Each structure stands twice: as C-alpha cells, then as structure tokens.
Amino acid sequence: MSVSLTVMTFNLHEDQAEDSPNSWEKRKDLCISVITSYFPMILCTQQGVKTQLDYLQQCLPGNFSLMV
C-alpha cells in the first residue's frame, strides 16, 4: 500500500519596508497563487510574521488549515 503526501515549505521572507521590492504588499498575492497551485497537504513556513500568517489564513481556500 502506498500513500501520496504533498508537503510544501515556503519562506515568507518577513515583511520588508513598503518601499522595498520585497515588501509583503508586493509579494502576498503571488504567495497565495503559488501555494494554491501546488495544493499541499502540509504547508510549512519560515520567517513569517503574524500579519503574513493571518493573511494566508484569510486568503487560502477553506480546505486549507493553518496551524501556528
């Protein structure tokens, strides 16, 4: 018997200053798009701050469950 498990690790790269090319405002929709395109069963994040994790929880489809 084999079981398939999709695991994704995603570095949210902390929020940067708004004028930075790496600011969360400029990356957040792309992050959601990438995560949903892979549809992982388990999503691990690094360097995420509360506002980023809250955004993921709010914007990912209902079948995603974010455990902090």
N, C-alpha and C. Protein backbone atom coordinates (compact mmCIF):
# COMPACT_ATOMS: atom_id res chain seq x y z
N MET A 1 0.84 -1.17 0.00
CA MET A 1 0.00 0.00 0.00
C MET A 1 0.89 1.24 0.00
N SER A 2 0.62 2.16 -0.89
CA SER A 2 1.39 3.40 -0.90
C SER A 2 0.46 4.59 -0.65
N VAL A 3 1.01 5.59 -0.03
CA VAL A 3 0.26 6.79 0.28
C VAL A 3 1.00 7.98 -0.30
N SER A 4 0.28 8.85 -0.94
CA SER A 4 0.88 10.05 -1.51
C SER A 4 0.64 11.23 -0.57
N LEU A 5 1.69 11.97 -0.28
CA LEU A 5 1.61 13.10 0.62
C LEU A 5 2.34 14.27 -0.01
N THR A 6 1.66 15.38 -0.16
CA THR A 6 2.28 16.57 -0.74
C THR A 6 2.63 17.54 0.38
N VAL A 7 3.93 17.83 0.49
CA VAL A 7 4.43 18.73 1.53
C VAL A 7 5.12 19.90 0.84
N MET A 8 4.87 21.09 1.33
CA MET A 8 5.48 22.28 0.76
C MET A 8 6.11 23.11 1.87
N THR A 9 7.30 23.59 1.64
CA THR A 9 7.92 24.53 2.55
C THR A 9 8.04 25.85 1.82
N PHE A 10 7.73 26.92 2.51
CA PHE A 10 7.63 28.22 1.85
C PHE A 10 8.21 29.29 2.77
N ASN A 11 9.24 29.97 2.30
CA ASN A 11 9.87 31.03 3.08
C ASN A 11 9.13 32.33 2.78
N LEU A 12 8.42 32.84 3.76
CA LEU A 12 7.65 34.07 3.58
C LEU A 12 8.54 35.32 3.61
N HIS A 13 9.78 35.17 4.04
CA HIS A 13 10.77 36.24 4.00
C HIS A 13 10.28 37.51 4.68
N GLU A 14 9.92 37.40 5.94
CA GLU A 14 9.49 38.56 6.74
C GLU A 14 9.01 39.74 5.91
N ASP A 15 8.21 40.55 6.50
CA ASP A 15 7.74 41.75 5.83
C ASP A 15 8.88 42.75 5.78
N GLN A 16 9.06 43.37 4.65
CA GLN A 16 10.10 44.39 4.45
C GLN A 16 9.44 45.76 4.39
N ALA A 17 10.24 46.80 4.41
CA ALA A 17 9.70 48.17 4.31
C ALA A 17 8.86 48.30 3.04
N GLU A 18 7.82 49.14 3.09
CA GLU A 18 6.89 49.26 1.96
C GLU A 18 7.56 49.67 0.66
N ASP A 19 8.65 50.43 0.73
CA ASP A 19 9.32 50.87 -0.49
C ASP A 19 10.32 49.83 -1.02
N SER A 20 10.44 48.73 -0.32
CA SER A 20 11.35 47.66 -0.74
C SER A 20 10.70 46.83 -1.85
N PRO A 21 11.50 46.36 -2.82
CA PRO A 21 10.94 45.47 -3.85
C PRO A 21 10.46 44.14 -3.26
N ASN A 22 10.88 43.84 -2.03
CA ASN A 22 10.47 42.59 -1.37
C ASN A 22 9.40 42.81 -0.30
N SER A 23 8.71 43.92 -0.34
CA SER A 23 7.68 44.16 0.67
C SER A 23 6.57 43.11 0.54
N TRP A 24 5.94 42.82 1.64
CA TRP A 24 4.87 41.83 1.66
C TRP A 24 3.72 42.25 0.74
N GLU A 25 3.42 43.54 0.70
CA GLU A 25 2.35 44.04 -0.17
C GLU A 25 2.59 43.66 -1.62
N LYS A 26 3.82 43.64 -2.04
CA LYS A 26 4.15 43.32 -3.43
C LYS A 26 4.23 41.82 -3.69
N ARG A 27 4.33 41.01 -2.63
CA ARG A 27 4.51 39.57 -2.80
C ARG A 27 3.33 38.73 -2.37
N LYS A 28 2.42 39.28 -1.57
CA LYS A 28 1.42 38.44 -0.91
C LYS A 28 0.48 37.71 -1.86
N ASP A 29 0.04 38.36 -2.93
CA ASP A 29 -0.86 37.67 -3.86
C ASP A 29 -0.14 36.58 -4.65
N LEU A 30 1.13 36.81 -4.97
CA LEU A 30 1.91 35.78 -5.64
C LEU A 30 2.11 34.58 -4.71
N CYS A 31 2.34 34.83 -3.44
CA CYS A 31 2.49 33.73 -2.47
C CYS A 31 1.23 32.86 -2.43
N ILE A 32 0.08 33.49 -2.37
CA ILE A 32 -1.19 32.75 -2.36
C ILE A 32 -1.32 31.93 -3.64
N SER A 33 -1.00 32.52 -4.76
CA SER A 33 -1.10 31.85 -6.05
C SER A 33 -0.19 30.62 -6.12
N VAL A 34 1.04 30.77 -5.65
CA VAL A 34 1.99 29.65 -5.69
C VAL A 34 1.52 28.53 -4.77
N ILE A 35 1.11 28.87 -3.57
CA ILE A 35 0.66 27.85 -2.61
C ILE A 35 -0.54 27.09 -3.16
N THR A 36 -1.53 27.81 -3.66
CA THR A 36 -2.73 27.12 -4.16
C THR A 36 -2.45 26.32 -5.43
N SER A 37 -1.45 26.72 -6.22
CA SER A 37 -1.16 25.95 -7.43
C SER A 37 -0.57 24.57 -7.10
N TYR A 38 0.13 24.47 -5.98
CA TYR A 38 0.69 23.18 -5.57
C TYR A 38 -0.26 22.40 -4.68
N PHE A 39 -1.21 23.07 -4.06
CA PHE A 39 -2.22 22.46 -3.21
C PHE A 39 -1.62 21.43 -2.24
N PRO A 40 -0.69 21.86 -1.39
CA PRO A 40 -0.04 20.91 -0.49
C PRO A 40 -0.97 20.42 0.61
N MET A 41 -0.74 19.20 1.07
CA MET A 41 -1.47 18.67 2.22
C MET A 41 -0.91 19.28 3.51
N ILE A 42 0.39 19.52 3.49
CA ILE A 42 1.08 20.14 4.63
C ILE A 42 1.89 21.31 4.09
N LEU A 43 1.71 22.47 4.71
CA LEU A 43 2.44 23.67 4.34
C LEU A 43 3.25 24.14 5.53
N CYS A 44 4.56 24.22 5.35
CA CYS A 44 5.45 24.71 6.40
C CYS A 44 5.96 26.08 5.96
N THR A 45 6.01 27.02 6.87
CA THR A 45 6.51 28.34 6.53
C THR A 45 7.72 28.69 7.38
N GLN A 46 8.55 29.56 6.85
CA GLN A 46 9.67 30.11 7.60
C GLN A 46 9.57 31.63 7.54
N GLN A 47 10.10 32.27 8.56
CA GLN A 47 10.22 33.71 8.66
C GLN A 47 8.89 34.46 8.55
N GLY A 48 7.80 33.82 8.75
CA GLY A 48 6.52 34.50 8.68
C GLY A 48 6.22 35.25 9.96
N VAL A 49 5.68 36.44 9.82
CA VAL A 49 5.22 37.19 10.98
C VAL A 49 3.71 37.08 11.06
N LYS A 50 3.14 37.47 12.19
CA LYS A 50 1.71 37.27 12.42
C LYS A 50 0.84 37.84 11.30
N THR A 51 1.15 39.03 10.82
CA THR A 51 0.32 39.62 9.77
C THR A 51 0.34 38.78 8.49
N GLN A 52 1.48 38.18 8.17
CA GLN A 52 1.56 37.33 6.99
C GLN A 52 0.76 36.05 7.19
N LEU A 53 0.91 35.43 8.35
CA LEU A 53 0.17 34.20 8.63
C LEU A 53 -1.32 34.45 8.68
N ASP A 54 -1.73 35.59 9.23
CA ASP A 54 -3.15 35.96 9.24
C ASP A 54 -3.67 36.11 7.82
N TYR A 55 -2.88 36.72 6.95
CA TYR A 55 -3.28 36.90 5.56
C TYR A 55 -3.45 35.56 4.86
N LEU A 56 -2.50 34.66 5.08
CA LEU A 56 -2.62 33.32 4.49
C LEU A 56 -3.89 32.64 4.95
N GLN A 57 -4.17 32.71 6.25
CA GLN A 57 -5.37 32.07 6.80
C GLN A 57 -6.63 32.66 6.17
N GLN A 58 -6.62 33.95 5.96
CA GLN A 58 -7.78 34.64 5.41
C GLN A 58 -7.98 34.34 3.92
N CYS A 59 -6.90 34.22 3.18
CA CYS A 59 -7.00 34.15 1.72
C CYS A 59 -6.89 32.76 1.10
N LEU A 60 -6.35 31.81 1.84
CA LEU A 60 -6.30 30.46 1.29
C LEU A 60 -7.69 29.85 1.31
N PRO A 61 -7.99 29.01 0.34
CA PRO A 61 -9.32 28.38 0.29
C PRO A 61 -9.67 27.67 1.60
N GLY A 62 -10.95 27.48 1.82
CA GLY A 62 -11.45 26.90 3.07
C GLY A 62 -10.89 25.54 3.41
N ASN A 63 -10.42 24.79 2.44
CA ASN A 63 -9.90 23.45 2.73
C ASN A 63 -8.45 23.49 3.22
N PHE A 64 -7.86 24.68 3.30
CA PHE A 64 -6.54 24.83 3.91
C PHE A 64 -6.74 25.11 5.38
N SER A 65 -5.95 24.49 6.20
CA SER A 65 -6.00 24.75 7.64
C SER A 65 -4.61 25.16 8.08
N LEU A 66 -4.49 26.35 8.60
CA LEU A 66 -3.20 26.87 9.01
C LEU A 66 -3.03 26.62 10.51
N MET A 67 -1.99 25.91 10.86
CA MET A 67 -1.68 25.65 12.27
C MET A 67 -0.46 26.47 12.63
N VAL A 68 -0.59 27.28 13.64
CA VAL A 68 0.52 28.15 14.06
C VAL A 68 1.08 27.65 15.37
